[in-house]
C-alpha atoms as a PDB file:
ATOM      1  CA  MET A   1      25.908  31.839   2.150  1.00  0.00           C
ATOM      2  CA  PRO A   2      24.357  28.530   1.001  1.00  0.00           C
ATOM      3  CA  LEU A   3      24.693  25.314   2.971  1.00  0.00           C
ATOM      4  CA  THR A   4      27.892  23.536   1.935  1.00  0.00           C
ATOM      5  CA  LEU A   5      29.081  20.022   2.735  1.00  0.00           C
ATOM      6  CA  HIS A   6      32.819  19.550   2.209  1.00  0.00           C
ATOM      7  CA  LEU A   7      33.483  15.837   1.663  1.00  0.00           C
ATOM      8  CA  GLY A   8      36.788  14.429   2.821  1.00  0.00           C
ATOM      9  CA  THR A   9      38.368  11.199   1.609  1.00  0.00           C
ATOM     10  CA  GLU A  10      36.448   9.042   4.083  1.00  0.00           C
ATOM     11  CA  ASP A  11      33.171  10.744   3.170  1.00  0.00           C
ATOM     12  CA  LEU A  12      33.746  10.091  -0.522  1.00  0.00           C
ATOM     13  CA  THR A  13      34.073   6.358   0.098  1.00  0.00           C
ATOM     14  CA  ARG A  14      31.020   6.147   2.376  1.00  0.00           C
ATOM     15  CA  CYS A  15      28.248   7.806   0.387  1.00  0.00           C
ATOM     16  CA  ARG A  16      25.218   5.518   0.504  1.00  0.00           C
ATOM     17  CA  PHE A  17      21.516   5.249  -0.355  1.00  0.00           C
ATOM     18  CA  ALA A  18      18.564   4.305   1.826  1.00  0.00           C
ATOM     19  CA  ILE A  19      14.800   3.861   1.601  1.00  0.00           C
ATOM     20  CA  SER A  20      13.030   4.866   4.809  1.00  0.00           C
ATOM     21  CA  PRO A  21       9.270   4.329   5.300  1.00  0.00           C
ATOM     22  CA  LEU A  22       9.370   6.743   8.248  1.00  0.00           C
ATOM     23  CA  CYS A  23      11.099   9.515   6.301  1.00  0.00           C
ATOM     24  CA  GLN A  24       8.691   9.049   3.391  1.00  0.00           C
ATOM     25  CA  THR A  25       5.756   9.357   5.822  1.00  0.00           C
ATOM     26  CA  HIS A  26       7.339  12.528   7.177  1.00  0.00           C
ATOM     27  CA  GLU A  27       7.707  13.963   3.659  1.00  0.00           C
ATOM     28  CA  ALA A  28       4.095  13.080   2.798  1.00  0.00           C
ATOM     29  CA  LEU A  29       2.953  14.964   5.898  1.00  0.00           C
ATOM     30  CA  ARG A  30       5.097  17.982   4.971  1.00  0.00           C
ATOM     31  CA  MET A  31       3.578  17.948   1.488  1.00  0.00           C
ATOM     32  CA  LEU A  32       0.040  17.836   2.911  1.00  0.00           C
ATOM     33  CA  ARG A  33       0.835  20.755   5.198  1.00  0.00           C
ATOM     34  CA  ARG A  34       2.124  22.984   2.395  1.00  0.00           C
ATOM     35  CA  PRO A  35      -0.450  23.333  -0.420  1.00  0.00           C
ATOM     36  CA  ALA A  36       2.040  24.783  -2.904  1.00  0.00           C
ATOM     37  CA  ARG A  37       3.657  21.327  -3.070  1.00  0.00           C
ATOM     38  CA  HIS A  38       0.480  19.560  -4.200  1.00  0.00           C
ATOM     39  CA  GLY A  39       0.880  20.024  -7.964  1.00  0.00           C
ATOM     40  CA  TYR A  40       2.459  16.654  -8.686  1.00  0.00           C
ATOM     41  CA  HIS A  41       0.137  14.701  -6.401  1.00  0.00           C
ATOM     42  CA  HIS A  42      -3.445  15.632  -7.285  1.00  0.00           C
ATOM     43  CA  THR A  43      -4.265  12.027  -8.214  1.00  0.00           C
ATOM     44  CA  TRP A  44      -2.978  10.710  -4.890  1.00  0.00           C
ATOM     45  CA  LEU A  45      -4.746  13.458  -2.955  1.00  0.00           C
ATOM     46  CA  ARG A  46      -8.072  12.684  -4.635  1.00  0.00           C
ATOM     47  CA  ARG A  47      -7.739   9.055  -3.565  1.00  0.00           C
ATOM     48  CA  MET A  48      -6.757  10.104  -0.044  1.00  0.00           C
ATOM     49  CA  ARG A  49      -9.465  12.767   0.455  1.00  0.00           C
ATOM     50  CA  ARG A  50     -11.857  10.539   2.384  1.00  0.00           C
ATOM     51  CA  THR A  51      -9.016   9.039   4.428  1.00  0.00           C
ATOM     52  CA  LEU A  52      -7.656  12.468   5.331  1.00  0.00           C
ATOM     53  CA  ALA A  53     -11.104  13.642   6.422  1.00  0.00           C
ATOM     54  CA  GLY A  54     -11.146  10.876   9.040  1.00  0.00           C
ATOM     55  CA  LEU A  55      -7.713  11.643  10.499  1.00  0.00           C
ATOM     56  CA  ASP A  56      -6.990  14.099  13.300  1.00  0.00           C
ATOM     57  CA  LEU A  57      -3.309  14.920  12.870  1.00  0.00           C
ATOM     58  CA  SER A  58      -3.438  18.319  14.592  1.00  0.00           C
ATOM     59  CA  PRO A  59      -0.724  17.465  17.189  1.00  0.00           C
ATOM     60  CA  LEU A  60       1.631  16.695  14.277  1.00  0.00           C
ATOM     61  CA  TRP A  61       0.726  19.879  12.407  1.00  0.00           C
ATOM     62  CA  LEU A  62       1.970  21.823  15.441  1.00  0.00           C
ATOM     63  CA  PHE A  63       5.530  20.831  14.447  1.00  0.00           C
ATOM     64  CA  ILE A  64       5.227  21.154  10.661  1.00  0.00           C
ATOM     65  CA  PRO A  65       5.027  24.912  10.055  1.00  0.00           C
ATOM     66  CA  ARG A  66       2.724  25.688   7.124  1.00  0.00           C
ATOM     67  CA  ALA A  67       4.923  28.505   5.837  1.00  0.00           C
ATOM     68  CA  GLY A  68       8.140  26.529   6.119  1.00  0.00           C
ATOM     69  CA  GLY A  69      10.603  26.371   8.958  1.00  0.00           C
ATOM     70  CA  TYR A  70      12.079  23.597  11.043  1.00  0.00           C
ATOM     71  CA  THR A  71      10.367  20.255  11.697  1.00  0.00           C
ATOM     72  CA  PRO A  72      11.908  18.129  14.497  1.00  0.00           C
ATOM     73  CA  ASP A  73      14.375  15.666  13.001  1.00  0.00           C
ATOM     74  CA  PHE A  74      13.248  12.878  15.335  1.00  0.00           C
ATOM     75  CA  LEU A  75       9.977  12.691  13.349  1.00  0.00           C
ATOM     76  CA  GLY A  76      11.964  11.274  10.423  1.00  0.00           C
ATOM     77  CA  PRO A  77      15.612  10.723  11.342  1.00  0.00           C
ATOM     78  CA  PRO A  78      18.064   9.422   8.722  1.00  0.00           C
ATOM     79  CA  PRO A  79      17.985   5.599   8.875  1.00  0.00           C
ATOM     80  CA  GLN A  80      20.981   3.552   9.910  1.00  0.00           C
ATOM     81  CA  GLU A  81      20.163   0.692   7.508  1.00  0.00           C
ATOM     82  CA  PRO A  82      19.592   0.700   3.745  1.00  0.00           C
ATOM     83  CA  CYS A  83      15.989  -0.583   3.932  1.00  0.00           C
ATOM     84  CA  PRO A  84      14.663  -0.527   7.517  1.00  0.00           C
ATOM     85  CA  SER A  85      11.150  -1.664   8.389  1.00  0.00           C
ATOM     86  CA  ILE A  86       8.590   0.860   9.587  1.00  0.00           C
ATOM     87  CA  GLU A  87       8.353  -1.071  12.877  1.00  0.00           C
ATOM     88  CA  ASP A  88      12.077  -0.690  13.558  1.00  0.00           C
ATOM     89  CA  GLU A  89      12.028   2.983  12.633  1.00  0.00           C
ATOM     90  CA  LEU A  90       9.050   3.758  14.861  1.00  0.00           C
ATOM     91  CA  ALA A  91      10.772   1.941  17.730  1.00  0.00           C
ATOM     92  CA  ARG A  92      13.849   4.105  17.178  1.00  0.00           C
ATOM     93  CA  MET A  93      11.683   7.229  17.104  1.00  0.00           C
ATOM     94  CA  ARG A  94       9.995   6.261  20.384  1.00  0.00           C
ATOM     95  CA  ALA A  95      13.447   5.812  21.967  1.00  0.00           C
ATOM     96  CA  THR A  96      14.457   9.428  21.211  1.00  0.00           C
ATOM     97  CA  ASP A  97      16.381  10.995  24.098  1.00  0.00           C
ATOM     98  CA  PRO A  98      13.959  13.432  25.812  1.00  0.00           C
ATOM     99  CA  ALA A  99      16.655  16.115  26.060  1.00  0.00           C
ATOM    100  CA  LEU A 100      17.275  15.944  22.296  1.00  0.00           C
ATOM    101  CA  ALA A 101      13.522  15.886  21.649  1.00  0.00           C
ATOM    102  CA  ARG A 102      12.969  18.979  23.786  1.00  0.00           C
ATOM    103  CA  ALA A 103      15.689  20.921  21.970  1.00  0.00           C
ATOM    104  CA  GLU A 104      14.205  20.033  18.577  1.00  0.00           C
ATOM    105  CA  ILE A 105      10.638  20.751  19.768  1.00  0.00           C
ATOM    106  CA  ALA A 106      11.708  24.180  21.035  1.00  0.00           C
ATOM    107  CA  ARG A 107      13.465  24.993  17.761  1.00  0.00           C
ATOM    108  CA  SER A 108      10.375  23.984  15.761  1.00  0.00           C
ATOM    109  CA  LEU A 109       7.908  25.927  17.936  1.00  0.00           C
ATOM    110  CA  ALA A 110      10.097  29.025  17.672  1.00  0.00           C
ATOM    111  CA  CYS A 111       9.379  29.149  13.921  1.00  0.00           C
ATOM    112  CA  THR A 112       5.804  30.307  14.675  1.00  0.00           C
ATOM    113  CA  PRO A 113       5.590  33.442  16.851  1.00  0.00           C
ATOM    114  CA  GLY A 114       3.771  32.780  20.143  1.00  0.00           C
ATOM    115  CA  LEU A 115       3.431  29.024  19.632  1.00  0.00           C
ATOM    116  CA  ALA A 116       5.913  28.057  22.355  1.00  0.00           C
ATOM    117  CA  GLU A 117       3.872  30.099  24.861  1.00  0.00           C
ATOM    118  CA  SER A 118       0.555  28.550  23.828  1.00  0.00           C
ATOM    119  CA  PRO A 119      -1.012  25.792  25.984  1.00  0.00           C
ATOM    120  CA  GLN A 120      -0.121  23.168  23.366  1.00  0.00           C
ATOM    121  CA  GLY A 121       3.451  24.426  23.073  1.00  0.00           C
ATOM    122  CA  ARG A 122       4.010  24.556  26.832  1.00  0.00           C
ATOM    123  CA  ALA A 123       2.598  21.038  27.244  1.00  0.00           C
ATOM    124  CA  ALA A 124       4.923  19.690  24.551  1.00  0.00           C
ATOM    125  CA  LEU A 125       7.967  21.305  26.169  1.00  0.00           C
ATOM    126  CA  ASP A 126       7.028  20.327  29.725  1.00  0.00           C
ATOM    127  CA  ASP A 127       6.946  16.591  28.928  1.00  0.00           C
ATOM    128  CA  PRO A 128       9.027  15.894  25.809  1.00  0.00           C
ATOM    129  CA  ALA A 129       9.004  12.115  26.390  1.00  0.00           C
ATOM    130  CA  ALA A 130       5.188  12.051  26.297  1.00  0.00           C
ATOM    131  CA  THR A 131       5.247  14.324  23.236  1.00  0.00           C
ATOM    132  CA  VAL A 132       7.524  11.882  21.412  1.00  0.00           C
ATOM    133  CA  ARG A 133       5.202   8.967  22.248  1.00  0.00           C
ATOM    134  CA  ARG A 134       2.130  10.872  21.079  1.00  0.00           C
ATOM    135  CA  LEU A 135       3.775  11.971  17.824  1.00  0.00           C
ATOM    136  CA  ALA A 136       5.073   8.441  17.179  1.00  0.00           C
ATOM    137  CA  ASP A 137       1.564   7.029  17.607  1.00  0.00           C
ATOM    138  CA  LEU A 138       0.159   9.608  15.175  1.00  0.00           C
ATOM    139  CA  THR A 139       2.972   8.969  12.699  1.00  0.00           C
ATOM    140  CA  GLU A 140       2.211   5.250  12.822  1.00  0.00           C
ATOM    141  CA  LEU A 141      -1.465   6.046  12.158  1.00  0.00           C
ATOM    142  CA  ALA A 142      -0.500   8.269   9.212  1.00  0.00           C
ATOM    143  CA  TRP A 143       1.766   5.546   7.795  1.00  0.00           C
ATOM    144  CA  HIS A 144      -0.986   2.921   7.811  1.00  0.00           C
ATOM    145  CA  ALA A 145      -3.598   5.299   6.410  1.00  0.00           C
ATOM    146  CA  LEU A 146      -1.598   7.184   3.776  1.00  0.00           C
ATOM    147  CA  LEU A 147       1.415   5.162   2.649  1.00  0.00           C
ATOM    148  CA  ALA A 148       1.102   1.488   3.584  1.00  0.00           C
ATOM    149  CA  PRO A 149      -1.561   0.652   0.933  1.00  0.00           C
ATOM    150  CA  ASP A 150       0.681   2.052  -1.836  1.00  0.00           C
ATOM    151  CA  TRP A 151       4.054   1.156  -0.329  1.00  0.00           C
ATOM    152  CA  PRO A 152       5.031  -1.652  -2.772  1.00  0.00           C
ATOM    153  CA  ARG A 153       4.657   0.722  -5.749  1.00  0.00           C
ATOM    154  CA  HIS A 154       6.137   3.607  -3.792  1.00  0.00           C
ATOM    155  CA  ARG A 155       9.182   1.524  -2.847  1.00  0.00           C
ATOM    156  CA  ALA A 156       9.562   0.344  -6.445  1.00  0.00           C
ATOM    157  CA  VAL A 157       9.911   3.955  -7.657  1.00  0.00           C
ATOM    158  CA  LEU A 158      12.578   4.662  -5.035  1.00  0.00           C
ATOM    159  CA  ALA A 159      14.440   1.409  -5.761  1.00  0.00           C
ATOM    160  CA  ALA A 160      14.436   2.171  -9.486  1.00  0.00           C
ATOM    161  CA  ASP A 161      15.938   5.615  -8.836  1.00  0.00           C
ATOM    162  CA  ILE A 162      18.680   4.107  -6.658  1.00  0.00           C
ATOM    163  CA  ALA A 163      19.422   1.388  -9.225  1.00  0.00           C
ATOM    164  CA  ASP A 164      19.699   3.965 -12.017  1.00  0.00           C
ATOM    165  CA  ARG A 165      21.980   6.268 -10.033  1.00  0.00           C
ATOM    166  CA  SER A 166      24.104   3.347  -8.835  1.00  0.00           C
ATOM    167  CA  ARG A 167      24.668   2.273 -12.444  1.00  0.00           C
ATOM    168  CA  ARG A 168      25.697   5.814 -13.364  1.00  0.00           C
ATOM    169  CA  ALA A 169      28.071   5.973 -10.387  1.00  0.00           C
ATOM    170  CA  ALA A 170      29.629   2.669 -11.431  1.00  0.00           C
ATOM    171  CA  GLU A 171      30.224   4.060 -14.922  1.00  0.00           C
ATOM    172  CA  GLY A 172      31.152   7.675 -14.132  1.00  0.00           C
ATOM    173  CA  GLY A 173      32.041   7.854 -10.435  1.00  0.00           C
ATOM    174  CA  LEU A 174      30.725  10.317  -7.853  1.00  0.00           C
ATOM    175  CA  ASP A 175      30.592  13.137 -10.403  1.00  0.00           C
ATOM    176  CA  ALA A 176      27.975  11.217 -12.375  1.00  0.00           C
ATOM    177  CA  LEU A 177      26.068  10.472  -9.164  1.00  0.00           C
ATOM    178  CA  LEU A 178      26.002  13.924  -7.564  1.00  0.00           C
ATOM    179  CA  THR A 179      25.760  16.388 -10.454  1.00  0.00           C
ATOM    180  CA  ASP A 180      22.037  15.977 -11.193  1.00  0.00           C
ATOM    181  CA  LEU A 181      20.388  15.243  -7.850  1.00  0.00           C
ATOM    182  CA  HIS A 182      18.435  18.506  -8.007  1.00  0.00           C
ATOM    183  CA  PRO A 183      18.685  21.810  -9.939  1.00  0.00           C
ATOM    184  CA  CYS A 184      19.542  23.636  -6.682  1.00  0.00           C
ATOM    185  CA  ILE A 185      22.389  21.263  -5.737  1.00  0.00           C
ATOM    186  CA  ASP A 186      25.886  21.877  -7.088  1.00  0.00           C
ATOM    187  CA  TRP A 187      28.839  19.496  -6.902  1.00  0.00           C
ATOM    188  CA  ALA A 188      32.377  20.766  -7.488  1.00  0.00           C
ATOM    189  CA  GLY A 189      35.730  20.439  -5.788  1.00  0.00           C
ATOM    190  CA  HIS A 190      34.557  17.759  -3.336  1.00  0.00           C
ATOM    191  CA  THR A 191      31.877  20.184  -2.084  1.00  0.00           C
ATOM    192  CA  LEU A 192      28.128  19.655  -2.210  1.00  0.00           C
ATOM    193  CA  THR A 193      26.372  23.046  -2.223  1.00  0.00           C
ATOM    194  CA  LEU A 194      22.646  23.302  -1.466  1.00  0.00           C
ATOM    195  CA  ARG A 195      21.618  26.717  -2.766  1.00  0.00           C
ATOM    196  CA  MET A 196      18.079  26.614  -1.323  1.00  0.00           C
ATOM    197  CA  TYR A 197      19.434  26.729   2.246  1.00  0.00           C
ATOM    198  CA  GLY A 198      21.260  29.338   4.235  1.00  0.00           C
ATOM    199  CA  ASP A 199      24.412  28.327   6.060  1.00  0.00           C
ATOM    200  CA  LEU A 200      22.874  26.561   9.075  1.00  0.00           C
ATOM    201  CA  ALA A 201      25.188  26.726  12.081  1.00  0.00           C
ATOM    202  CA  GLU A 202      23.388  23.813  13.762  1.00  0.00           C
ATOM    203  CA  ALA A 203      23.422  21.562  10.674  1.00  0.00           C
ATOM    204  CA  GLN A 204      25.527  18.430  10.784  1.00  0.00           C
ATOM    205  CA  GLN A 205      28.672  18.720   8.677  1.00  0.00           C
ATOM    206  CA  ALA A 206      30.474  15.944   6.834  1.00  0.00           C
ATOM    207  CA  ASP A 207      32.656  14.215   9.402  1.00  0.00           C
ATOM    208  CA  GLY A 208      33.869  11.009   7.769  1.00  0.00           C
ATOM    209  CA  ARG A 209      30.543   9.141   7.909  1.00  0.00           C
ATOM    210  CA  GLY A 210      29.715  10.008   4.309  1.00  0.00           C
ATOM    211  CA  ILE A 211      26.518  11.463   2.890  1.00  0.00           C
ATOM    212  CA  LEU A 212      23.218   9.581   3.013  1.00  0.00           C
ATOM    213  CA  LEU A 213      21.161  10.004  -0.173  1.00  0.00           C
ATOM    214  CA  MET A 214      17.432   9.269  -0.064  1.00  0.00           C
ATOM    215  CA  PRO A 215      15.092   9.589  -3.065  1.00  0.00           C
ATOM    216  CA  SER A 216      11.530  10.643  -2.260  1.00  0.00           C
ATOM    217  CA  VAL A 217       8.227  10.810  -4.109  1.00  0.00           C
ATOM    218  CA  PHE A 218       6.781  13.541  -1.906  1.00  0.00           C
ATOM    219  CA  VAL A 219       9.705  15.954  -1.428  1.00  0.00           C
ATOM    220  CA  TRP A 220       9.235  17.502  -4.903  1.00  0.00           C
ATOM    221  CA  PRO A 221       9.807  20.344  -5.812  1.00  0.00           C
ATOM    222  CA  ASP A 222      12.127  20.806  -2.848  1.00  0.00           C
ATOM    223  CA  VAL A 223      15.183  19.064  -1.527  1.00  0.00           C
ATOM    224  CA  VAL A 224      15.679  18.449   2.201  1.00  0.00           C
ATOM    225  CA  SER A 225      18.939  18.568   4.120  1.00  0.00           C
ATOM    226  CA  GLY A 226      20.392  20.429   7.082  1.00  0.00           C
ATOM    227  CA  PHE A 227      19.683  17.714   9.666  1.00  0.00           C
ATOM    228  CA  ALA A 228      21.001  18.868  13.027  1.00  0.00           C
ATOM    229  CA  ARG A 229      23.573  17.048  15.100  1.00  0.00           C
ATOM    230  CA  PRO A 230      23.848  14.121  15.872  1.00  0.00           C
ATOM    231  CA  TRP A 231      22.185  12.886  12.665  1.00  0.00           C
ATOM    232  CA  GLN A 232      24.271  11.817   9.668  1.00  0.00           C
ATOM    233  CA  PRO A 233      24.495  14.437   6.882  1.00  0.00           C
ATOM    234  CA  THR A 234      21.582  13.579   4.591  1.00  0.00           C
ATOM    235  CA  VAL A 235      20.087  14.788   1.328  1.00  0.00           C
ATOM    236  CA  ILE A 236      16.480  13.881   0.438  1.00  0.00           C
ATOM    237  CA  TYR A 237      15.855  14.597  -3.238  1.00  0.00           C
ATOM    238  CA  PRO A 238      12.996  14.009  -5.748  1.00  0.00           C
ATOM    239  CA  ALA A 239      13.118  10.500  -7.213  1.00  0.00           C
ATOM    240  CA  VAL A 240      13.507  10.125 -10.958  1.00  0.00           C
ATOM    241  CA  GLY A 241      10.298   8.663 -12.399  1.00  0.00           C
ATOM    242  CA  MET A 242       8.158   9.686  -9.427  1.00  0.00           C
ATOM    243  CA  GLY A 243       5.293  10.479 -11.801  1.00  0.00           C
ATOM    244  CA  ARG A 244       4.955   6.738 -12.420  1.00  0.00           C
ATOM    245  CA  PHE A 245       3.906   6.326  -8.784  1.00  0.00           C
ATOM    246  CA  HIS A 246       0.428   7.431  -9.882  1.00  0.00           C
ATOM    247  CA  ALA A 247       0.268   5.131 -12.901  1.00  0.00           C
ATOM    248  CA  ALA A 248      -2.401   2.452 -13.128  1.00  0.00           C
ATOM    249  CA  PRO A 249      -1.321  -0.513 -10.977  1.00  0.00           C
ATOM    250  CA  ALA A 250      -1.896  -3.208 -13.594  1.00  0.00           C
ATOM    251  CA  PRO A 251      -1.923  -1.971 -17.201  1.00  0.00           C
ATOM    252  CA  ARG A 252      -3.567  -4.089 -19.899  1.00  0.00           C
ATOM    253  CA  PRO A 253      -1.049  -5.834 -22.179  1.00  0.00           C
ATOM    254  CA  PRO A 254      -1.184  -5.350 -25.963  1.00  0.00           C
ATOM    255  CA  ALA A 255      -3.482  -7.933 -27.561  1.00  0.00           C
ATOM    256  CA  ALA A 256      -0.710  -9.250 -29.800  1.00  0.00           C
ATOM    257  CA  LEU A 257       1.585  -9.769 -26.816  1.00  0.00           C
ATOM    258  CA  ALA A 258      -1.176 -11.623 -24.942  1.00  0.00           C
ATOM    259  CA  ARG A 259      -1.629 -13.970 -27.918  1.00  0.00           C
ATOM    260  CA  LEU A 260       2.127 -14.580 -28.049  1.00  0.00           C
ATOM    261  CA  LEU A 261       2.847 -15.158 -24.343  1.00  0.00           C
ATOM    262  CA  GLY A 262      -0.549 -15.878 -22.862  1.00  0.00           C
ATOM    263  CA  ARG A 263      -2.696 -13.299 -21.063  1.00  0.00           C
ATOM    264  CA  GLN A 264      -1.198 -13.648 -17.567  1.00  0.00           C
ATOM    265  CA  ARG A 265       2.450 -13.649 -18.616  1.00  0.00           C
ATOM    266  CA  ALA A 266       1.852 -10.708 -20.963  1.00  0.00           C
ATOM    267  CA  ALA A 267       0.118  -8.774 -18.187  1.00  0.00           C
ATOM    268  CA  LEU A 268       3.000  -9.381 -15.781  1.00  0.00           C
ATOM    269  CA  LEU A 269       5.609  -8.391 -18.346  1.00  0.00           C
ATOM    270  CA  THR A 270       3.668  -5.228 -19.215  1.00  0.00           C
ATOM    271  CA  ASP A 271       3.285  -4.325 -15.544  1.00  0.00           C
ATOM    272  CA  LEU A 272       7.033  -4.442 -14.871  1.00  0.00           C
ATOM    273  CA  THR A 273       7.725  -0.887 -15.984  1.00  0.00           C
ATOM    274  CA  LEU A 274       9.175  -0.594 -12.478  1.00  0.00           C
ATOM    275  CA  PRO A 275      10.895  -3.449 -10.609  1.00  0.00           C
ATOM    276  CA  ALA A 276       8.535  -5.464  -8.394  1.00  0.00           C
ATOM    277  CA  ALA A 277       8.537  -8.535  -6.171  1.00  0.00           C
ATOM    278  CA  THR A 278       6.392 -11.641  -6.591  1.00  0.00           C
ATOM    279  CA  THR A 279       4.034 -10.755  -3.732  1.00  0.00           C
ATOM    280  CA  GLU A 280       3.427  -7.244  -5.112  1.00  0.00           C
ATOM    281  CA  LEU A 281       2.572  -8.606  -8.541  1.00  0.00           C
ATOM    282  CA  ALA A 282       0.340 -11.314  -7.089  1.00  0.00           C
ATOM    283  CA  GLU A 283      -1.650  -8.712  -5.152  1.00  0.00           C
ATOM    284  CA  ARG A 284      -2.045  -6.378  -8.127  1.00  0.00           C
ATOM    285  CA  HIS A 285      -3.108  -9.113 -10.547  1.00  0.00           C
ATOM    286  CA  GLY A 286      -5.230 -11.200  -8.184  1.00  0.00           C
ATOM    287  CA  LEU A 287      -3.090 -14.311  -8.711  1.00  0.00           C
ATOM    288  CA  ALA A 288      -1.553 -16.813  -6.326  1.00  0.00           C
ATOM    289  CA  PRO A 289       2.123 -16.058  -5.579  1.00  0.00           C
ATOM    290  CA  SER A 290       3.047 -19.545  -6.807  1.00  0.00           C
ATOM    291  CA  THR A 291       1.383 -18.820 -10.174  1.00  0.00           C
ATOM    292  CA  VAL A 292       3.180 -15.496 -10.500  1.00  0.00           C
ATOM    293  CA  SER A 293       6.484 -17.118  -9.543  1.00  0.00           C
ATOM    294  CA  ALA A 294       6.094 -19.756 -12.259  1.00  0.00           C
ATOM    295  CA  HIS A 295       5.304 -17.110 -14.888  1.00  0.00           C
ATOM    296  CA  LEU A 296       8.249 -14.939 -13.826  1.00  0.00           C
ATOM    297  CA  THR A 297      10.595 -17.918 -14.016  1.00  0.00           C
ATOM    298  CA  SER A 298       9.460 -18.628 -17.595  1.00  0.00           C
ATOM    299  CA  LEU A 299       9.846 -14.976 -18.619  1.00  0.00           C
ATOM    300  CA  ARG A 300      13.291 -14.853 -17.058  1.00  0.00           C
ATOM    301  CA  GLN A 301      14.394 -18.039 -18.801  1.00  0.00           C
ATOM    302  CA  ALA A 302      13.242 -16.473 -22.078  1.00  0.00           C
ATOM    303  CA  GLY A 303      15.533 -13.499 -21.473  1.00  0.00           C
ATOM    304  CA  LEU A 304      12.691 -11.033 -20.916  1.00  0.00           C
ATOM    305  CA  LEU A 305      13.325 -10.381 -17.189  1.00  0.00           C
ATOM    306  CA  ASP A 306      16.222  -9.960 -14.790  1.00  0.00           C
ATOM    307  CA  ALA A 307      16.064 -10.687 -11.058  1.00  0.00           C
ATOM    308  CA  ARG A 308      17.884  -8.773  -8.326  1.00  0.00           C
ATOM    309  CA  ARG A 309      17.879  -9.445  -4.587  1.00  0.00           C
ATOM    310  CA  GLU A 310      17.252  -6.443  -2.292  1.00  0.00           C
ATOM    311  CA  GLY A 311      17.266  -7.434   1.371  1.00  0.00           C
ATOM    312  CA  HIS A 312      14.482  -9.958   1.932  1.00  0.00           C
ATOM    313  CA  TYR A 313      12.981  -9.414  -1.541  1.00  0.00           C
ATOM    314  CA  VAL A 314      13.803 -10.541  -5.065  1.00  0.00           C
ATOM    315  CA  ARG A 315      12.731  -7.877  -7.554  1.00  0.00           C
ATOM    316  CA  TYR A 316      12.084  -8.561 -11.217  1.00  0.00           C
ATOM    317  CA  GLU A 317      12.584  -6.027 -13.978  1.00  0.00           C
ATOM    318  CA  ARG A 318      12.375  -6.136 -17.743  1.00  0.00           C
ATOM    319  CA  THR A 319      15.480  -6.589 -19.840  1.00  0.00           C
ATOM    320  CA  ALA A 320      16.051  -4.546 -22.999  1.00  0.00           C
ATOM    321  CA  LEU A 321      14.477  -7.446 -24.934  1.00  0.00           C
ATOM    322  CA  GLY A 322      11.456  -7.391 -22.615  1.00  0.00           C
ATOM    323  CA  ASP A 323      11.106  -3.619 -23.093  1.00  0.00           C
ATOM    324  CA  ALA A 324      11.264  -3.995 -26.847  1.00  0.00           C
ATOM    325  CA  LEU A 325       8.634  -6.717 -26.809  1.00  0.00           C
ATOM    326  CA  VAL A 326       6.200  -4.626 -24.714  1.00  0.00           C
ATOM    327  CA  THR A 327       6.714  -1.362 -26.583  1.00  0.00           C
ATOM    328  CA  GLY A 328       7.033  -2.838 -30.042  1.00  0.00           C
ATOM    329  CA  GLY A 329      10.539  -1.371 -30.386  1.00  0.00           C
END
């Protein structure tokens, strides 16, 4: 039987989205561990080849089975906030209860015959608190090496997916939101069915806290769920538009548009295929944030951009008029 999540009335009113740097780091590591998942990410892997050669992540690989199986949930637990910082998430990971960590470590090691009896496996089980600290330190290293340099663009892809799905939910309700998360996910009769999973007895079931939905660049072609108790029921699915994560960071604007708006404003407008904040744009274009802010204000006043606050950031995105101007539509 597939994994099914039966959503009650309280669950239906508490479905939410989140963007988690820690979970995205976890998914990137899972993708690196399983070569069959590399197809969509050759460009990223080529850029990361030299970085990966200088990293020793072997203690992490112990808990990410190459052929599939269970990875401890405390490596990337569902976040409690919509957009937590990596620092807060790593602090939460380091505070994992040793008893919970040991249970998850044992379950993960059991996926590989003989691993729990190996010297590395016995050491991990004998001192789960030290294992958590070591894995948290390595996860922090992986974050800074693999994701942090690209995080503004990465986050923009995830935010765009959430914005698109939120608009569809506002127009068509939960049916519009949940029917196309992934080809292997079905939604009918208040039940979310994940056909790629067996019925996991230890998986957390819907219990009134709602379902947490998290888009991911690196989870493709899979979908991840089945988090064990006490974590909130969570579905990590491939983000719409994830291919744009590998697009050039600052595309050249059309010559005619540059003559019309000026080179810098045209370049900023062209770059905003995905929503972005002032600091991200300033870094990509080599401009002072104050200069970028002035240009964005002018483009917004002209009706070419919209602005939307997300936590501590204000993100700018093109309006339909801005899209038409860039594409010539």
